[in-house]
Amino acid sequence: MSAKSKKMAEAHRKALRNLEEITDEEDAAITADAQGDPDNPPADDLLRRRGRPPLEKAKQPVKLRLDPDVIERFKADGPGWQSRMNAALRKAAGL
């Protein structure tokens, strides 16, 4: 681990400790101040924007054996083939 990575990891641990120590009243006051300043949104808003949005129903990984030509056909249309395959299965299942 590089010195920069160690520094970032320590800063992250310190920030998490500080968050655990904050009272609900302090959190509400900080949030109200941040919401009043469009250039300074609350940190949790920034964190929520990273990565994928939370799903109402998380998809489940499954092991499924399919014919190679079926997989090749879905992959031929490019990225998103798994979502297209899921949509086709939902349609076939009447969902």
PDB file of N, CA and C in Angstrom:
ATOM      1  N   MET A   1       0.858  -1.174   0.000  1.00  0.00           N
ATOM      2  CA  MET A   1       0.000   0.000   0.000  1.00  0.00           C
ATOM      3  C   MET A   1       0.900   1.231   0.000  1.00  0.00           C
ATOM      4  N   SER A   2       0.621   2.168  -0.895  1.00  0.00           N
ATOM      5  CA  SER A   2       1.433   3.379  -0.997  1.00  0.00           C
ATOM      6  C   SER A   2       1.159   4.319   0.175  1.00  0.00           C
ATOM      7  N   ALA A   3       2.057   5.278   0.351  1.00  0.00           N
ATOM      8  CA  ALA A   3       1.898   6.256   1.431  1.00  0.00           C
ATOM      9  C   ALA A   3       0.599   7.042   1.252  1.00  0.00           C
ATOM     10  N   LYS A   4       0.297   7.370  -0.008  1.00  0.00           N
ATOM     11  CA  LYS A   4      -0.936   8.122  -0.287  1.00  0.00           C
ATOM     12  C   LYS A   4      -2.169   7.288   0.074  1.00  0.00           C
ATOM     13  N   SER A   5      -2.142   5.999  -0.266  1.00  0.00           N
ATOM     14  CA  SER A   5      -3.265   5.115   0.045  1.00  0.00           C
ATOM     15  C   SER A   5      -3.441   4.970   1.553  1.00  0.00           C
ATOM     16  N   LYS A   6      -2.317   4.852   2.273  1.00  0.00           N
ATOM     17  CA  LYS A   6      -2.385   4.738   3.729  1.00  0.00           C
ATOM     18  C   LYS A   6      -2.972   6.000   4.335  1.00  0.00           C
ATOM     19  N   LYS A   7      -2.567   7.150   3.793  1.00  0.00           N
ATOM     20  CA  LYS A   7      -3.069   8.431   4.295  1.00  0.00           C
ATOM     21  C   LYS A   7      -4.582   8.547   4.056  1.00  0.00           C
ATOM     22  N   MET A   8      -5.002   8.135   2.871  1.00  0.00           N
ATOM     23  CA  MET A   8      -6.428   8.188   2.537  1.00  0.00           C
ATOM     24  C   MET A   8      -7.226   7.227   3.425  1.00  0.00           C
ATOM     25  N   ALA A   9      -6.692   6.035   3.661  1.00  0.00           N
ATOM     26  CA  ALA A   9      -7.384   5.060   4.496  1.00  0.00           C
ATOM     27  C   ALA A   9      -7.512   5.587   5.928  1.00  0.00           C
ATOM     28  N   GLU A  10      -6.473   6.205   6.441  1.00  0.00           N
ATOM     29  CA  GLU A  10      -6.525   6.763   7.794  1.00  0.00           C
ATOM     30  C   GLU A  10      -7.529   7.918   7.861  1.00  0.00           C
ATOM     31  N   ALA A  11      -7.544   8.771   6.836  1.00  0.00           N
ATOM     32  CA  ALA A  11      -8.506   9.877   6.802  1.00  0.00           C
ATOM     33  C   ALA A  11      -9.936   9.338   6.766  1.00  0.00           C
ATOM     34  N   HIS A  12     -10.146   8.263   6.027  1.00  0.00           N
ATOM     35  CA  HIS A  12     -11.467   7.649   5.943  1.00  0.00           C
ATOM     36  C   HIS A  12     -11.889   7.097   7.305  1.00  0.00           C
ATOM     37  N   ARG A  13     -10.980   6.387   7.983  1.00  0.00           N
ATOM     38  CA  ARG A  13     -11.286   5.849   9.310  1.00  0.00           C
ATOM     39  C   ARG A  13     -11.601   6.976  10.292  1.00  0.00           C
ATOM     40  N   LYS A  14     -10.828   8.060  10.214  1.00  0.00           N
ATOM     41  CA  LYS A  14     -11.039   9.202  11.109  1.00  0.00           C
ATOM     42  C   LYS A  14     -12.407   9.843  10.847  1.00  0.00           C
ATOM     43  N   ALA A  15     -12.757   9.995   9.583  1.00  0.00           N
ATOM     44  CA  ALA A  15     -14.057  10.581   9.235  1.00  0.00           C
ATOM     45  C   ALA A  15     -15.201   9.709   9.748  1.00  0.00           C
ATOM     46  N   LEU A  16     -15.067   8.391   9.613  1.00  0.00           N
ATOM     47  CA  LEU A  16     -16.108   7.491  10.109  1.00  0.00           C
ATOM     48  C   LEU A  16     -16.244   7.572  11.624  1.00  0.00           C
ATOM     49  N   ARG A  17     -15.114   7.666  12.335  1.00  0.00           N
ATOM     50  CA  ARG A  17     -15.170   7.822  13.789  1.00  0.00           C
ATOM     51  C   ARG A  17     -15.883   9.115  14.162  1.00  0.00           C
ATOM     52  N   ASN A  18     -15.564  10.194  13.443  1.00  0.00           N
ATOM     53  CA  ASN A  18     -16.200  11.486  13.718  1.00  0.00           C
ATOM     54  C   ASN A  18     -17.703  11.426  13.466  1.00  0.00           C
ATOM     55  N   LEU A  19     -18.109  10.717  12.417  1.00  0.00           N
ATOM     56  CA  LEU A  19     -19.541  10.589  12.124  1.00  0.00           C
ATOM     57  C   LEU A  19     -20.272   9.843  13.231  1.00  0.00           C
ATOM     58  N   GLU A  20     -19.612   8.854  13.818  1.00  0.00           N
ATOM     59  CA  GLU A  20     -20.238   8.086  14.893  1.00  0.00           C
ATOM     60  C   GLU A  20     -20.450   8.938  16.138  1.00  0.00           C
ATOM     61  N   GLU A  21     -19.607   9.959  16.326  1.00  0.00           N
ATOM     62  CA  GLU A  21     -19.665  10.778  17.538  1.00  0.00           C
ATOM     63  C   GLU A  21     -20.620  11.967  17.427  1.00  0.00           C
ATOM     64  N   ILE A  22     -21.115  12.263  16.245  1.00  0.00           N
ATOM     65  CA  ILE A  22     -21.963  13.436  16.046  1.00  0.00           C
ATOM     66  C   ILE A  22     -23.375  13.166  16.577  1.00  0.00           C
ATOM     67  N   THR A  23     -23.979  14.168  17.208  1.00  0.00           N
ATOM     68  CA  THR A  23     -25.339  14.008  17.732  1.00  0.00           C
ATOM     69  C   THR A  23     -26.347  14.279  16.616  1.00  0.00           C
ATOM     70  N   ASP A  24     -27.581  13.846  16.831  1.00  0.00           N
ATOM     71  CA  ASP A  24     -28.635  14.082  15.846  1.00  0.00           C
ATOM     72  C   ASP A  24     -28.862  15.581  15.640  1.00  0.00           C
ATOM     73  N   GLU A  25     -28.765  16.362  16.723  1.00  0.00           N
ATOM     74  CA  GLU A  25     -28.961  17.811  16.629  1.00  0.00           C
ATOM     75  C   GLU A  25     -27.849  18.455  15.793  1.00  0.00           C
ATOM     76  N   GLU A  26     -26.608  18.028  16.023  1.00  0.00           N
ATOM     77  CA  GLU A  26     -25.486  18.561  15.233  1.00  0.00           C
ATOM     78  C   GLU A  26     -25.641  18.195  13.764  1.00  0.00           C
ATOM     79  N   ASP A  27     -26.044  16.955  13.519  1.00  0.00           N
ATOM     80  CA  ASP A  27     -26.238  16.499  12.146  1.00  0.00           C
ATOM     81  C   ASP A  27     -27.322  17.320  11.453  1.00  0.00           C
ATOM     82  N   ALA A  28     -28.433  17.566  12.147  1.00  0.00           N
ATOM     83  CA  ALA A  28     -29.534  18.347  11.574  1.00  0.00           C
ATOM     84  C   ALA A  28     -29.080  19.777  11.262  1.00  0.00           C
ATOM     85  N   ALA A  29     -28.290  20.381  12.175  1.00  0.00           N
ATOM     86  CA  ALA A  29     -27.814  21.752  11.956  1.00  0.00           C
ATOM     87  C   ALA A  29     -26.855  21.813  10.770  1.00  0.00           C
ATOM     88  N   ILE A  30     -25.951  20.854  10.677  1.00  0.00           N
ATOM     89  CA  ILE A  30     -24.995  20.822   9.554  1.00  0.00           C
ATOM     90  C   ILE A  30     -25.737  20.611   8.244  1.00  0.00           C
ATOM     91  N   THR A  31     -26.694  19.690   8.258  1.00  0.00           N
ATOM     92  CA  THR A  31     -27.462  19.405   7.046  1.00  0.00           C
ATOM     93  C   THR A  31     -28.258  20.633   6.605  1.00  0.00           C
ATOM     94  N   ALA A  32     -28.887  21.334   7.549  1.00  0.00           N
ATOM     95  CA  ALA A  32     -29.660  22.537   7.213  1.00  0.00           C
ATOM     96  C   ALA A  32     -28.750  23.605   6.612  1.00  0.00           C
ATOM     97  N   ASP A  33     -27.570  23.795   7.183  1.00  0.00           N
ATOM     98  CA  ASP A  33     -26.624  24.769   6.626  1.00  0.00           C
ATOM     99  C   ASP A  33     -26.200  24.376   5.220  1.00  0.00           C
ATOM    100  N   ALA A  34     -25.898  23.092   5.025  1.00  0.00           N
ATOM    101  CA  ALA A  34     -25.448  22.628   3.713  1.00  0.00           C
ATOM    102  C   ALA A  34     -26.550  22.764   2.668  1.00  0.00           C
ATOM    103  N   GLN A  35     -27.788  22.458   3.062  1.00  0.00           N
ATOM    104  CA  GLN A  35     -28.899  22.557   2.117  1.00  0.00           C
ATOM    105  C   GLN A  35     -29.172  23.999   1.730  1.00  0.00           C
ATOM    106  N   GLY A  36     -28.824  24.926   2.593  1.00  0.00           N
ATOM    107  CA  GLY A  36     -28.998  26.343   2.290  1.00  0.00           C
ATOM    108  C   GLY A  36     -27.911  26.891   1.376  1.00  0.00           C
ATOM    109  N   ASP A  37     -26.858  26.128   1.164  1.00  0.00           N
ATOM    110  CA  ASP A  37     -25.739  26.559   0.319  1.00  0.00           C
ATOM    111  C   ASP A  37     -25.631  25.620  -0.877  1.00  0.00           C
ATOM    112  N   PRO A  38     -26.053  26.049  -2.084  1.00  0.00           N
ATOM    113  CA  PRO A  38     -26.035  25.150  -3.244  1.00  0.00           C
ATOM    114  C   PRO A  38     -24.634  24.698  -3.642  1.00  0.00           C
ATOM    115  N   ASP A  39     -23.600  25.405  -3.194  1.00  0.00           N
ATOM    116  CA  ASP A  39     -22.234  25.002  -3.520  1.00  0.00           C
ATOM    117  C   ASP A  39     -21.660  24.033  -2.494  1.00  0.00           C
ATOM    118  N   ASN A  40     -22.440  23.670  -1.486  1.00  0.00           N
ATOM    119  CA  ASN A  40     -21.945  22.814  -0.407  1.00  0.00           C
ATOM    120  C   ASN A  40     -23.015  21.806   0.003  1.00  0.00           C
ATOM    121  N   PRO A  41     -23.324  20.814  -0.866  1.00  0.00           N
ATOM    122  CA  PRO A  41     -24.370  19.851  -0.523  1.00  0.00           C
ATOM    123  C   PRO A  41     -23.914  18.929   0.603  1.00  0.00           C
ATOM    124  N   PRO A  42     -24.864  18.314   1.321  1.00  0.00           N
ATOM    125  CA  PRO A  42     -24.500  17.369   2.380  1.00  0.00           C
ATOM    126  C   PRO A  42     -23.646  16.230   1.823  1.00  0.00           C
ATOM    127  N   ALA A  43     -22.721  15.751   2.622  1.00  0.00           N
ATOM    128  CA  ALA A  43     -21.790  14.709   2.173  1.00  0.00           C
ATOM    129  C   ALA A  43     -22.515  13.443   1.750  1.00  0.00           C
ATOM    130  N   ASP A  44     -23.601  13.075   2.452  1.00  0.00           N
ATOM    131  CA  ASP A  44     -24.273  11.837   2.075  1.00  0.00           C
ATOM    132  C   ASP A  44     -24.914  11.945   0.696  1.00  0.00           C
ATOM    133  N   ASP A  45     -25.281  13.166   0.251  1.00  0.00           N
ATOM    134  CA  ASP A  45     -25.770  13.334  -1.113  1.00  0.00           C
ATOM    135  C   ASP A  45     -24.656  13.036  -2.105  1.00  0.00           C
ATOM    136  N   LEU A  46     -23.454  13.474  -1.797  1.00  0.00           N
ATOM    137  CA  LEU A  46     -22.316  13.217  -2.676  1.00  0.00           C
ATOM    138  C   LEU A  46     -21.996  11.730  -2.718  1.00  0.00           C
ATOM    139  N   LEU A  47     -22.050  11.078  -1.578  1.00  0.00           N
ATOM    140  CA  LEU A  47     -21.722   9.660  -1.516  1.00  0.00           C
ATOM    141  C   LEU A  47     -22.756   8.823  -2.243  1.00  0.00           C
ATOM    142  N   ARG A  48     -24.024   9.211  -2.178  1.00  0.00           N
ATOM    143  CA  ARG A  48     -25.086   8.461  -2.839  1.00  0.00           C
ATOM    144  C   ARG A  48     -24.958   8.506  -4.349  1.00  0.00           C
ATOM    145  N   ARG A  49     -24.339   9.563  -4.882  1.00  0.00           N
ATOM    146  CA  ARG A  49     -24.237   9.692  -6.333  1.00  0.00           C
ATOM    147  C   ARG A  49     -23.185   8.767  -6.923  1.00  0.00           C
ATOM    148  N   ARG A  50     -22.324   8.204  -6.086  1.00  0.00           N
ATOM    149  CA  ARG A  50     -21.290   7.319  -6.587  1.00  0.00           C
ATOM    150  C   ARG A  50     -21.862   5.929  -6.798  1.00  0.00           C
ATOM    151  N   GLY A  51     -21.450   5.282  -7.855  1.00  0.00           N
ATOM    152  CA  GLY A  51     -21.869   3.911  -8.097  1.00  0.00           C
ATOM    153  C   GLY A  51     -23.301   3.822  -8.582  1.00  0.00           C
ATOM    154  N   ARG A  52     -23.834   2.652  -8.529  1.00  0.00           N
ATOM    155  CA  ARG A  52     -25.197   2.414  -8.990  1.00  0.00           C
ATOM    156  C   ARG A  52     -26.193   2.823  -7.919  1.00  0.00           C
ATOM    157  N   PRO A  53     -27.361   3.277  -8.333  1.00  0.00           N
ATOM    158  CA  PRO A  53     -28.389   3.606  -7.337  1.00  0.00           C
ATOM    159  C   PRO A  53     -28.883   2.320  -6.678  1.00  0.00           C
ATOM    160  N   PRO A  54     -29.357   2.413  -5.451  1.00  0.00           N
ATOM    161  CA  PRO A  54     -29.858   1.212  -4.786  1.00  0.00           C
ATOM    162  C   PRO A  54     -31.086   0.670  -5.509  1.00  0.00           C
ATOM    163  N   LEU A  55     -31.202  -0.630  -5.565  1.00  0.00           N
ATOM    164  CA  LEU A  55     -32.327  -1.277  -6.235  1.00  0.00           C
ATOM    165  C   LEU A  55     -33.395  -1.645  -5.216  1.00  0.00           C
ATOM    166  N   GLU A  56     -34.655  -1.536  -5.632  1.00  0.00           N
ATOM    167  CA  GLU A  56     -35.738  -1.963  -4.749  1.00  0.00           C
ATOM    168  C   GLU A  56     -35.635  -3.458  -4.498  1.00  0.00           C
ATOM    169  N   LYS A  57     -35.445  -4.201  -5.573  1.00  0.00           N
ATOM    170  CA  LYS A  57     -35.274  -5.647  -5.477  1.00  0.00           C
ATOM    171  C   LYS A  57     -33.938  -5.976  -6.135  1.00  0.00           C
ATOM    172  N   ALA A  58     -32.956  -6.291  -5.324  1.00  0.00           N
ATOM    173  CA  ALA A  58     -31.633  -6.603  -5.859  1.00  0.00           C
ATOM    174  C   ALA A  58     -31.710  -7.878  -6.698  1.00  0.00           C
ATOM    175  N   LYS A  59     -30.997  -7.864  -7.806  1.00  0.00           N
ATOM    176  CA  LYS A  59     -30.961  -9.052  -8.656  1.00  0.00           C
ATOM    177  C   LYS A  59     -30.116 -10.118  -7.983  1.00  0.00           C
ATOM    178  N   GLN A  60     -30.441 -11.364  -8.262  1.00  0.00           N
ATOM    179  CA  GLN A  60     -29.738 -12.485  -7.655  1.00  0.00           C
ATOM    180  C   GLN A  60     -28.841 -13.157  -8.679  1.00  0.00           C
ATOM    181  N   PRO A  61     -27.581 -13.378  -8.327  1.00  0.00           N
ATOM    182  CA  PRO A  61     -26.712 -14.107  -9.246  1.00  0.00           C
ATOM    183  C   PRO A  61     -27.122 -15.581  -9.269  1.00  0.00           C
ATOM    184  N   VAL A  62     -27.130 -16.160 -10.453  1.00  0.00           N
ATOM    185  CA  VAL A  62     -27.465 -17.584 -10.597  1.00  0.00           C
ATOM    186  C   VAL A  62     -26.470 -18.228 -11.555  1.00  0.00           C
ATOM    187  N   LYS A  63     -26.302 -19.514 -11.387  1.00  0.00           N
ATOM    188  CA  LYS A  63     -25.493 -20.266 -12.337  1.00  0.00           C
ATOM    189  C   LYS A  63     -26.478 -20.924 -13.289  1.00  0.00           C
ATOM    190  N   LEU A  64     -26.317 -20.633 -14.570  1.00  0.00           N
ATOM    191  CA  LEU A  64     -27.281 -21.077 -15.565  1.00  0.00           C
ATOM    192  C   LEU A  64     -26.528 -21.587 -16.781  1.00  0.00           C
ATOM    193  N   ARG A  65     -26.896 -22.750 -17.250  1.00  0.00           N
ATOM    194  CA  ARG A  65     -26.245 -23.308 -18.441  1.00  0.00           C
ATOM    195  C   ARG A  65     -27.096 -22.975 -19.662  1.00  0.00           C
ATOM    196  N   LEU A  66     -26.483 -22.255 -20.597  1.00  0.00           N
ATOM    197  CA  LEU A  66     -27.168 -21.871 -21.827  1.00  0.00           C
ATOM    198  C   LEU A  66     -26.354 -22.323 -23.021  1.00  0.00           C
ATOM    199  N   ASP A  67     -27.039 -22.501 -24.138  1.00  0.00           N
ATOM    200  CA  ASP A  67     -26.332 -22.859 -25.372  1.00  0.00           C
ATOM    201  C   ASP A  67     -25.432 -21.699 -25.796  1.00  0.00           C
ATOM    202  N   PRO A  68     -24.230 -22.014 -26.285  1.00  0.00           N
ATOM    203  CA  PRO A  68     -23.299 -20.957 -26.695  1.00  0.00           C
ATOM    204  C   PRO A  68     -23.874 -20.003 -27.735  1.00  0.00           C
ATOM    205  N   ASP A  69     -24.682 -20.517 -28.663  1.00  0.00           N
ATOM    206  CA  ASP A  69     -25.226 -19.638 -29.698  1.00  0.00           C
ATOM    207  C   ASP A  69     -26.232 -18.629 -29.120  1.00  0.00           C
ATOM    208  N   VAL A  70     -26.921 -19.014 -28.051  1.00  0.00           N
ATOM    209  CA  VAL A  70     -27.854 -18.088 -27.403  1.00  0.00           C
ATOM    210  C   VAL A  70     -27.066 -16.936 -26.774  1.00  0.00           C
ATOM    211  N   ILE A  71     -26.013 -17.284 -26.062  1.00  0.00           N
ATOM    212  CA  ILE A  71     -25.177 -16.260 -25.425  1.00  0.00           C
ATOM    213  C   ILE A  71     -24.545 -15.365 -26.477  1.00  0.00           C
ATOM    214  N   GLU A  72     -24.007 -15.970 -27.532  1.00  0.00           N
ATOM    215  CA  GLU A  72     -23.380 -15.182 -28.605  1.00  0.00           C
ATOM    216  C   GLU A  72     -24.367 -14.213 -29.234  1.00  0.00           C
ATOM    217  N   ARG A  73     -25.618 -14.641 -29.397  1.00  0.00           N
ATOM    218  CA  ARG A  73     -26.636 -13.779 -30.014  1.00  0.00           C
ATOM    219  C   ARG A  73     -26.889 -12.538 -29.154  1.00  0.00           C
ATOM    220  N   PHE A  74     -27.005 -12.711 -27.852  1.00  0.00           N
ATOM    221  CA  PHE A  74     -27.230 -11.561 -26.970  1.00  0.00           C
ATOM    222  C   PHE A  74     -25.992 -10.669 -26.894  1.00  0.00           C
ATOM    223  N   LYS A  75     -24.812 -11.291 -26.855  1.00  0.00           N
ATOM    224  CA  LYS A  75     -23.574 -10.509 -26.788  1.00  0.00           C
ATOM    225  C   LYS A  75     -23.315  -9.739 -28.085  1.00  0.00           C
ATOM    226  N   ALA A  76     -23.847 -10.234 -29.191  1.00  0.00           N
ATOM    227  CA  ALA A  76     -23.604  -9.606 -30.496  1.00  0.00           C
ATOM    228  C   ALA A  76     -24.121  -8.175 -30.555  1.00  0.00           C
ATOM    229  N   ASP A  77     -25.130  -7.848 -29.750  1.00  0.00           N
ATOM    230  CA  ASP A  77     -25.697  -6.495 -29.748  1.00  0.00           C
ATOM    231  C   ASP A  77     -24.914  -5.543 -28.848  1.00  0.00           C
ATOM    232  N   GLY A  78     -23.829  -6.035 -28.235  1.00  0.00           N
ATOM    233  CA  GLY A  78     -22.961  -5.163 -27.447  1.00  0.00           C
ATOM    234  C   GLY A  78     -23.276  -5.142 -25.966  1.00  0.00           C
ATOM    235  N   PRO A  79     -22.695  -4.150 -25.269  1.00  0.00           N
ATOM    236  CA  PRO A  79     -22.883  -4.056 -23.814  1.00  0.00           C
ATOM    237  C   PRO A  79     -24.361  -4.001 -23.437  1.00  0.00           C
ATOM    238  N   GLY A  80     -24.655  -4.564 -22.276  1.00  0.00           N
ATOM    239  CA  GLY A  80     -26.041  -4.609 -21.810  1.00  0.00           C
ATOM    240  C   GLY A  80     -26.729  -5.912 -22.161  1.00  0.00           C
ATOM    241  N   TRP A  81     -25.945  -6.876 -22.651  1.00  0.00           N
ATOM    242  CA  TRP A  81     -26.558  -8.131 -23.091  1.00  0.00           C
ATOM    243  C   TRP A  81     -27.239  -8.872 -21.959  1.00  0.00           C
ATOM    244  N   GLN A  82     -26.712  -8.774 -20.736  1.00  0.00           N
ATOM    245  CA  GLN A  82     -27.335  -9.476 -19.620  1.00  0.00           C
ATOM    246  C   GLN A  82     -28.697  -8.855 -19.287  1.00  0.00           C
ATOM    247  N   SER A  83     -28.791  -7.533 -19.372  1.00  0.00           N
ATOM    248  CA  SER A  83     -30.076  -6.866 -19.125  1.00  0.00           C
ATOM    249  C   SER A  83     -31.082  -7.220 -20.205  1.00  0.00           C
ATOM    250  N   ARG A  84     -30.604  -7.288 -21.454  1.00  0.00           N
ATOM    251  CA  ARG A  84     -31.507  -7.671 -22.549  1.00  0.00           C
ATOM    252  C   ARG A  84     -31.973  -9.116 -22.382  1.00  0.00           C
ATOM    253  N   MET A  85     -31.076  -9.977 -21.917  1.00  0.00           N
ATOM    254  CA  MET A  85     -31.446 -11.368 -21.692  1.00  0.00           C
ATOM    255  C   MET A  85     -32.466 -11.451 -20.555  1.00  0.00           C
ATOM    256  N   ASN A  86     -32.270 -10.667 -19.520  1.00  0.00           N
ATOM    257  CA  ASN A  86     -33.222 -10.629 -18.409  1.00  0.00           C
ATOM    258  C   ASN A  86     -34.593 -10.169 -18.905  1.00  0.00           C
ATOM    259  N   ALA A  87     -34.611  -9.146 -19.756  1.00  0.00           N
ATOM    260  CA  ALA A  87     -35.877  -8.641 -20.302  1.00  0.00           C
ATOM    261  C   ALA A  87     -36.569  -9.707 -21.134  1.00  0.00           C
ATOM    262  N   ALA A  88     -35.806 -10.451 -21.929  1.00  0.00           N
ATOM    263  CA  ALA A  88     -36.379 -11.507 -22.752  1.00  0.00           C
ATOM    264  C   ALA A  88     -36.964 -12.626 -21.877  1.00  0.00           C
ATOM    265  N   LEU A  89     -36.262 -12.951 -20.798  1.00  0.00           N
ATOM    266  CA  LEU A  89     -36.758 -13.980 -19.878  1.00  0.00           C
ATOM    267  C   LEU A  89     -38.022 -13.510 -19.166  1.00  0.00           C
ATOM    268  N   ARG A  90     -38.056 -12.238 -18.771  1.00  0.00           N
ATOM    269  CA  ARG A  90     -39.248 -11.691 -18.121  1.00  0.00           C
ATOM    270  C   ARG A  90     -40.452 -11.752 -19.078  1.00  0.00           C
ATOM    271  N   LYS A  91     -40.196 -11.396 -20.338  1.00  0.00           N
ATOM    272  CA  LYS A  91     -41.285 -11.432 -21.339  1.00  0.00           C
ATOM    273  C   LYS A  91     -41.770 -12.856 -21.532  1.00  0.00           C
ATOM    274  N   ALA A  92     -40.842 -13.788 -21.633  1.00  0.00           N
ATOM    275  CA  ALA A  92     -41.205 -15.196 -21.841  1.00  0.00           C
ATOM    276  C   ALA A  92     -41.973 -15.744 -20.623  1.00  0.00           C
ATOM    277  N   ALA A  93     -41.657 -15.233 -19.444  1.00  0.00           N
ATOM    278  CA  ALA A  93     -42.331 -15.675 -18.216  1.00  0.00           C
ATOM    279  C   ALA A  93     -43.642 -14.946 -17.978  1.00  0.00           C
ATOM    280  N   GLY A  94     -43.949 -13.954 -18.836  1.00  0.00           N
ATOM    281  CA  GLY A  94     -45.185 -13.196 -18.685  1.00  0.00           C
ATOM    282  C   GLY A  94     -45.141 -12.193 -17.557  1.00  0.00           C
ATOM    283  N   LEU A  95     -43.946 -11.683 -17.255  1.00  0.00           N
ATOM    284  CA  LEU A  95     -43.796 -10.701 -16.166  1.00  0.00           C
ATOM    285  C   LEU A  95     -43.716  -9.287 -16.709  1.00  0.00           C
TER     286      LEU A  95
END
